[in-house]
Protein backbone atom coordinates (compact mmCIF):
# COMPACT_ATOMS: atom_id res chain seq x y z
CA UNK A 1 31.01 -6.86 0.94
CA UNK A 2 31.21 -8.75 -2.36
CA UNK A 3 27.55 -9.72 -2.09
CA UNK A 4 26.22 -6.17 -1.93
CA UNK A 5 25.25 -4.84 -5.38
CA UNK A 6 27.42 -1.84 -6.22
CA UNK A 7 24.44 -0.10 -7.82
CA UNK A 8 22.96 0.20 -4.35
CA UNK A 9 25.31 3.16 -3.66
CA UNK A 10 23.95 5.57 -6.34
CA UNK A 11 20.40 4.39 -5.61
CA UNK A 12 20.80 5.18 -1.91
CA UNK A 13 22.30 8.57 -2.76
CA UNK A 14 19.35 9.32 -5.05
CA UNK A 15 16.90 8.31 -2.33
CA UNK A 16 18.66 10.46 0.26
CA UNK A 17 18.59 13.46 -2.05
CA UNK A 18 14.93 13.03 -2.98
CA UNK A 19 13.87 12.49 0.63
CA UNK A 20 15.81 15.57 1.75
CA UNK A 21 14.03 17.68 -0.86
CA UNK A 22 16.83 18.13 -3.40
CA UNK A 23 15.64 18.61 -6.97
CA UNK A 24 17.53 16.10 -9.12
CA UNK A 25 17.25 18.44 -12.11
CA UNK A 26 18.98 21.29 -10.24
CA UNK A 27 22.49 22.28 -11.32
CA UNK A 28 25.19 20.88 -9.06
CA UNK A 29 28.30 21.97 -10.95
CA UNK A 30 28.81 24.67 -13.57
CA UNK A 31 32.09 24.89 -15.46
CA UNK A 32 33.05 27.34 -18.21
CA UNK A 33 34.34 25.74 -21.40
CA UNK A 34 36.94 27.16 -23.79
CA UNK A 35 34.18 27.53 -26.39
CA UNK A 36 32.53 30.15 -24.20
CA UNK A 37 29.58 28.00 -23.21
CA UNK A 38 29.08 26.58 -19.75
CA UNK A 39 28.89 22.91 -18.85
CA UNK A 40 26.16 22.30 -16.30
CA UNK A 41 26.01 19.04 -14.39
CA UNK A 42 22.80 18.30 -12.54
CA UNK A 43 22.46 16.18 -9.41
CA UNK A 44 20.57 13.47 -11.28
CA UNK A 45 23.13 13.33 -14.07
CA UNK A 46 25.97 13.06 -11.56
CA UNK A 47 24.17 10.15 -9.88
CA UNK A 48 23.76 8.46 -13.27
CA UNK A 49 27.47 8.90 -14.03
CA UNK A 50 28.30 7.23 -10.71
CA UNK A 51 25.79 4.47 -11.52
CA UNK A 52 27.50 3.79 -14.86
CA UNK A 53 30.83 3.35 -13.09
CA UNK A 54 29.30 0.98 -10.55
CA UNK A 55 27.56 -0.93 -13.36
CA UNK A 56 30.98 -1.58 -14.86
CA UNK A 57 32.07 -2.94 -11.49
CA UNK A 58 28.99 -5.17 -11.37
CA UNK A 59 29.74 -6.64 -14.80
CA UNK A 60 33.32 -7.28 -13.69
CA UNK A 61 32.07 -8.98 -10.51
CA UNK A 62 29.82 -11.22 -12.64
CA UNK A 63 32.84 -12.73 -14.38
CA UNK A 64 33.91 -14.67 -11.30
CA UNK A 65 32.45 -18.15 -11.02
CA UNK A 66 32.19 -18.50 -7.26
CA UNK A 67 29.30 -19.73 -5.20
CA UNK A 68 28.72 -16.23 -3.78
CA UNK A 69 27.94 -14.91 -7.26
CA UNK A 70 24.54 -16.61 -7.14
CA UNK A 71 23.65 -14.65 -4.03
CA UNK A 72 24.95 -11.48 -5.70
CA UNK A 73 22.71 -12.09 -8.71
CA UNK A 74 19.76 -12.72 -6.42
CA UNK A 75 20.35 -9.48 -4.54
CA UNK A 76 20.70 -7.59 -7.83
CA UNK A 77 17.37 -9.04 -8.95
CA UNK A 78 15.77 -8.02 -5.64
CA UNK A 79 17.16 -4.50 -6.07
CA UNK A 80 15.67 -4.34 -9.56
CA UNK A 81 12.24 -5.46 -8.31
CA UNK A 82 12.28 -2.96 -5.43
CA UNK A 83 13.32 -0.11 -7.72
CA UNK A 84 10.64 -1.12 -10.25
CA UNK A 85 7.98 -1.02 -7.53
CA UNK A 86 9.23 2.37 -6.36
CA UNK A 87 9.24 3.73 -9.89
CA UNK A 88 5.67 2.57 -10.48
CA UNK A 89 4.16 3.34 -7.08
CA UNK A 90 6.11 6.23 -5.49
CA UNK A 91 5.47 9.61 -7.05
CA UNK A 92 8.90 11.03 -6.19
CA UNK A 93 10.62 8.16 -8.03
CA UNK A 94 8.68 8.70 -11.25
CA UNK A 95 11.36 10.69 -13.06
CA UNK A 96 14.02 10.07 -15.67
CA UNK A 97 16.84 9.62 -13.13
CA UNK A 98 15.05 6.76 -11.39
CA UNK A 99 14.01 5.29 -14.75
CA UNK A 100 17.63 5.17 -15.92
CA UNK A 101 18.73 3.71 -12.58
CA UNK A 102 16.01 1.10 -13.07
CA UNK A 103 17.33 0.37 -16.58
CA UNK A 104 20.87 -0.01 -15.21
CA UNK A 105 19.71 -2.47 -12.56
CA UNK A 106 17.98 -4.47 -15.31
CA UNK A 107 21.19 -4.48 -17.36
CA UNK A 108 23.04 -5.60 -14.23
CA UNK A 109 20.65 -8.52 -13.73
CA UNK A 110 20.70 -9.60 -17.37
CA UNK A 111 24.46 -9.19 -17.76
CA UNK A 112 25.08 -11.02 -14.50
CA UNK A 113 23.06 -14.02 -15.58
CA UNK A 114 24.46 -13.99 -19.12
CA UNK A 115 28.07 -13.73 -17.99
CA UNK A 116 27.44 -16.26 -15.23
CA UNK A 117 26.06 -18.76 -17.73
CA UNK A 118 28.97 -18.20 -20.09
CA UNK A 119 31.50 -18.69 -17.30
CA UNK A 120 29.71 -21.80 -16.05
CA UNK A 121 29.57 -23.25 -19.56
CA UNK A 122 33.29 -22.68 -19.98
CA UNK A 123 34.04 -24.38 -16.64
CA UNK A 124 32.18 -27.53 -17.60
CA UNK A 125 34.34 -29.84 -19.69
CA UNK A 126 32.83 -32.21 -22.21
CA UNK A 127 34.68 -35.26 -23.46
CA UNK A 128 34.00 -35.90 -27.13
CA UNK A 129 34.69 -39.34 -28.54
């Protein structure tokens, strides 16, 4: 379970919604505010909020220096490449929700490698004479 990129969850939810015909810009939740205005949360925005939470989990997972983290980084990179291809080639994925999911997967890949390198550098001890 540790190997599976957490960002896969919001991406799968977005795919399921798009394939079932749900408009990601449609309002999912509408709440009145004390100011008198209404807060409207769309499906796409709710998916992005979930993706931000899972991105935090991905950055936390990147801080562990175990052998499995290399496979996790590789799967995150594969997820980024697949989402990039979908964004460029699939008409239904050419919207702002998928673009921001794509950006989050890129941040996941870059942060994973950066944190992984920092952790690996800290684990290697150098003797100075």
